[in-house]
Amino acid sequence: MGELDFQEFDDELRSMEELMEESKTTLSNESLKVPLKSLNLKRAVVVEVGTSIKKCIEKMQARHFGCLLVVKETQYCGIFTERDVLLKVAGTDHDLETSKIDDFMTPDPVQLEMEDTIETALRLMVKGGYRHICIVDERDHPLSLVSIKNIVSFIVEFFPQDVLNLPPHPIRMGTKNREGG
């Protein structure tokens, strides 16, 4: 390789570094002040009060959703999550066919509107220990659902190179002591 080849390599490397610097976006407090409607949110999965626990769990499984929004005559009145299944249903002697969502849902949960900010949703999630918050319209009809996963995905967009270029398996330290015989 001659002197010229190294110069081309250095120029190419410098060009790549400049492009990387240009593509970096910083996450700031202002980044979280965008409205929830700017997120790519899915339509909420809704059930009526009085629905059996069995039907609710089947609906969650079929739709691959971690929670259901519960309505009474189209008005949002509760949320039923996979955490409720684990803590209130699993391992009990409740009959899933006859037990109703009303007895296991969280009644009157926190709700937001599409104009509320990501920052507001995140603050409520951290303060209340929620993973899902319903988004309603002005008449309290459920529109969508914001989850902690939606917010993490939004934040990851600010660090695409850092996240997407991670090795397939994290580097882990093995045990310090030998195991086995």
Protein backbone atom coordinates (compact mmCIF):
# COMPACT_ATOMS: atom_id res chain seq x y z
CA MET A 1 0.00 0.00 0.00
CA GLY A 2 1.33 3.35 -0.92
CA GLU A 3 1.03 6.76 0.72
CA LEU A 4 -1.97 7.56 -1.50
CA ASP A 5 -3.98 4.57 -0.24
CA PHE A 6 -3.62 5.68 3.40
CA GLN A 7 -4.68 9.22 2.48
CA GLU A 8 -7.87 7.91 0.83
CA PHE A 9 -8.57 5.79 3.90
CA ASP A 10 -8.07 8.77 6.25
CA ASP A 11 -10.35 10.95 4.09
CA GLU A 12 -13.06 8.27 4.07
CA LEU A 13 -12.79 7.81 7.84
CA ARG A 14 -13.01 11.57 8.43
CA SER A 15 -16.05 11.76 6.14
CA MET A 16 -17.78 8.96 8.05
CA GLU A 17 -17.07 10.63 11.39
CA GLU A 18 -18.56 13.90 10.13
CA LEU A 19 -21.71 12.10 8.99
CA MET A 20 -22.03 10.40 12.37
CA GLU A 21 -21.75 13.73 14.19
CA GLU A 22 -24.40 15.29 11.92
CA SER A 23 -26.82 12.42 12.55
CA LYS A 24 -26.58 12.66 16.33
CA THR A 25 -29.65 14.12 17.94
CA THR A 26 -29.75 14.98 21.58
CA LEU A 27 -32.51 14.06 23.94
CA SER A 28 -33.55 16.99 26.08
CA ASN A 29 -36.45 18.02 28.27
CA GLU A 30 -37.98 19.64 25.20
CA SER A 31 -37.90 16.31 23.36
CA LEU A 32 -40.44 14.90 25.81
CA LYS A 33 -42.82 17.85 25.46
CA VAL A 34 -44.31 16.54 22.21
CA PRO A 35 -47.95 15.42 22.30
CA LEU A 36 -48.87 11.75 22.61
CA LYS A 37 -50.56 11.93 19.21
CA SER A 38 -47.07 12.09 17.67
CA LEU A 39 -46.37 8.52 18.84
CA ASN A 40 -47.35 5.57 16.69
CA LEU A 41 -50.02 4.27 19.07
CA LYS A 42 -52.27 1.32 18.40
CA ARG A 43 -56.01 1.37 18.83
CA ALA A 44 -57.00 0.17 22.29
CA VAL A 45 -58.54 -3.24 22.87
CA VAL A 46 -61.81 -2.67 24.70
CA VAL A 47 -64.24 -4.90 26.62
CA GLU A 48 -67.56 -4.16 28.33
CA VAL A 49 -68.07 -4.46 32.07
CA GLY A 50 -69.51 -7.87 32.83
CA THR A 51 -67.20 -9.69 30.41
CA SER A 52 -65.87 -12.97 31.77
CA ILE A 53 -62.24 -13.20 32.80
CA LYS A 54 -61.83 -16.12 30.39
CA LYS A 55 -62.95 -13.99 27.41
CA CYS A 56 -60.73 -11.12 28.54
CA ILE A 57 -57.63 -13.30 28.80
CA GLU A 58 -58.40 -14.91 25.42
CA LYS A 59 -58.74 -11.45 23.86
CA MET A 60 -55.41 -10.34 25.34
CA GLN A 61 -53.73 -13.48 24.00
CA ALA A 62 -55.29 -13.22 20.54
CA ARG A 63 -54.39 -9.53 20.13
CA HIS A 64 -50.98 -9.80 21.85
CA PHE A 65 -51.90 -6.94 24.16
CA GLY A 66 -50.75 -6.54 27.76
CA CYS A 67 -53.99 -4.93 28.86
CA LEU A 68 -57.62 -4.27 28.08
CA LEU A 69 -59.59 -1.09 28.58
CA VAL A 70 -62.97 -1.60 30.23
CA VAL A 71 -65.99 0.50 29.27
CA LYS A 72 -69.51 0.91 30.55
CA GLU A 73 -71.76 2.16 27.75
CA THR A 74 -68.70 3.49 25.83
CA GLN A 75 -67.35 5.38 28.88
CA TYR A 76 -63.89 4.37 30.07
CA CYS A 77 -64.19 2.96 33.59
CA GLY A 78 -61.30 0.55 34.17
CA ILE A 79 -58.16 -1.20 33.01
CA PHE A 80 -57.28 -4.89 33.22
CA THR A 81 -53.61 -5.78 32.79
CA GLU A 82 -51.44 -8.86 32.64
CA ARG A 83 -50.28 -7.86 36.11
CA ASP A 84 -53.90 -8.20 37.29
CA VAL A 85 -53.98 -11.69 35.78
CA LEU A 86 -50.84 -12.68 37.69
CA LEU A 87 -51.67 -11.06 41.02
CA LYS A 88 -55.46 -11.43 41.20
CA VAL A 89 -56.43 -14.40 39.01
CA ALA A 90 -53.60 -16.91 38.58
CA GLY A 91 -53.28 -19.50 41.30
CA THR A 92 -56.75 -18.79 42.73
CA ASP A 93 -59.89 -20.88 42.62
CA HIS A 94 -61.88 -18.28 40.65
CA ASP A 95 -64.00 -19.77 37.87
CA LEU A 96 -62.78 -17.97 34.75
CA GLU A 97 -66.10 -18.58 32.95
CA THR A 98 -68.26 -16.92 35.61
CA SER A 99 -65.86 -14.40 37.16
CA LYS A 100 -66.34 -10.93 35.69
CA ILE A 101 -63.77 -8.33 34.75
CA ASP A 102 -65.46 -5.88 37.13
CA ASP A 103 -64.01 -7.70 40.14
CA PHE A 104 -60.42 -7.75 38.87
CA MET A 105 -59.93 -4.53 36.90
CA THR A 106 -58.46 -1.35 38.32
CA PRO A 107 -61.45 1.02 38.47
CA ASP A 108 -61.25 4.70 37.52
CA PRO A 109 -57.60 4.65 36.43
CA VAL A 110 -55.56 7.62 35.31
CA GLN A 111 -56.26 8.77 31.77
CA LEU A 112 -54.73 11.20 29.31
CA GLU A 113 -55.72 12.92 26.08
CA MET A 114 -53.87 12.95 22.75
CA GLU A 115 -52.70 16.54 23.36
CA ASP A 116 -51.01 15.62 26.64
CA THR A 117 -47.24 15.27 26.40
CA ILE A 118 -44.94 12.28 26.54
CA GLU A 119 -43.37 13.94 29.57
CA THR A 120 -46.74 13.92 31.38
CA ALA A 121 -47.31 10.25 30.57
CA LEU A 122 -43.82 9.30 31.72
CA ARG A 123 -44.19 11.25 34.98
CA LEU A 124 -47.53 9.53 35.73
CA MET A 125 -46.07 6.11 34.91
CA VAL A 126 -43.07 6.58 37.19
CA LYS A 127 -45.07 8.14 40.02
CA GLY A 128 -47.92 5.62 39.89
CA GLY A 129 -46.00 2.52 38.84
CA TYR A 130 -48.12 2.16 35.68
CA ARG A 131 -47.02 0.51 32.45
CA HIS A 132 -50.13 1.51 30.48
CA ILE A 133 -52.30 4.64 30.44
CA CYS A 134 -55.52 5.03 28.48
CA ILE A 135 -55.91 7.93 26.08
CA VAL A 136 -59.48 9.20 25.86
CA ASP A 137 -61.37 11.77 23.83
CA GLU A 138 -63.29 14.70 25.33
CA ARG A 139 -66.26 12.38 26.12
CA ASP A 140 -64.07 9.82 27.96
CA HIS A 141 -64.29 7.31 25.11
CA PRO A 142 -61.07 5.29 24.92
CA LEU A 143 -59.04 6.01 21.79
CA SER A 144 -55.70 4.41 22.40
CA LEU A 145 -53.21 3.35 24.96
CA VAL A 146 -49.71 4.61 25.69
CA SER A 147 -47.32 2.10 27.19
CA ILE A 148 -43.85 2.34 28.64
CA LYS A 149 -42.73 0.42 25.54
CA ASN A 150 -44.02 3.25 23.32
CA ILE A 151 -42.03 5.78 25.33
CA VAL A 152 -38.84 3.70 25.34
CA SER A 153 -39.15 3.27 21.55
CA PHE A 154 -39.49 7.05 21.20
CA ILE A 155 -36.38 7.66 23.33
CA VAL A 156 -34.37 5.01 21.45
CA GLU A 157 -34.88 7.04 18.25
CA PHE A 158 -32.47 9.59 19.72
CA PHE A 159 -29.72 6.98 20.01
CA PRO A 160 -30.06 4.82 16.88
CA GLN A 161 -26.37 4.08 16.44
CA ASP A 162 -25.83 3.28 20.11
CA VAL A 163 -28.79 0.90 20.32
CA LEU A 164 -28.80 -0.67 16.87
CA ASN A 165 -25.07 -1.39 16.91
CA LEU A 166 -25.06 -3.30 20.19
CA PRO A 167 -23.56 -6.79 19.99
CA PRO A 168 -26.14 -9.59 19.82
CA HIS A 169 -25.35 -10.73 23.36
CA PRO A 170 -24.36 -8.40 26.18
CA ILE A 171 -20.91 -8.84 27.62
CA ARG A 172 -21.31 -10.65 30.91
CA MET A 173 -18.82 -11.51 33.52
CA GLY A 174 -18.75 -15.20 34.37
CA THR A 175 -18.74 -16.44 37.90
CA LYS A 176 -15.54 -15.79 39.79
CA ASN A 177 -15.55 -19.21 41.44
CA ARG A 178 -15.32 -22.47 39.60
CA GLU A 179 -18.48 -24.49 39.58
CA GLY A 180 -18.92 -28.22 39.36
CA GLY A 181 -16.68 -31.15 40.20
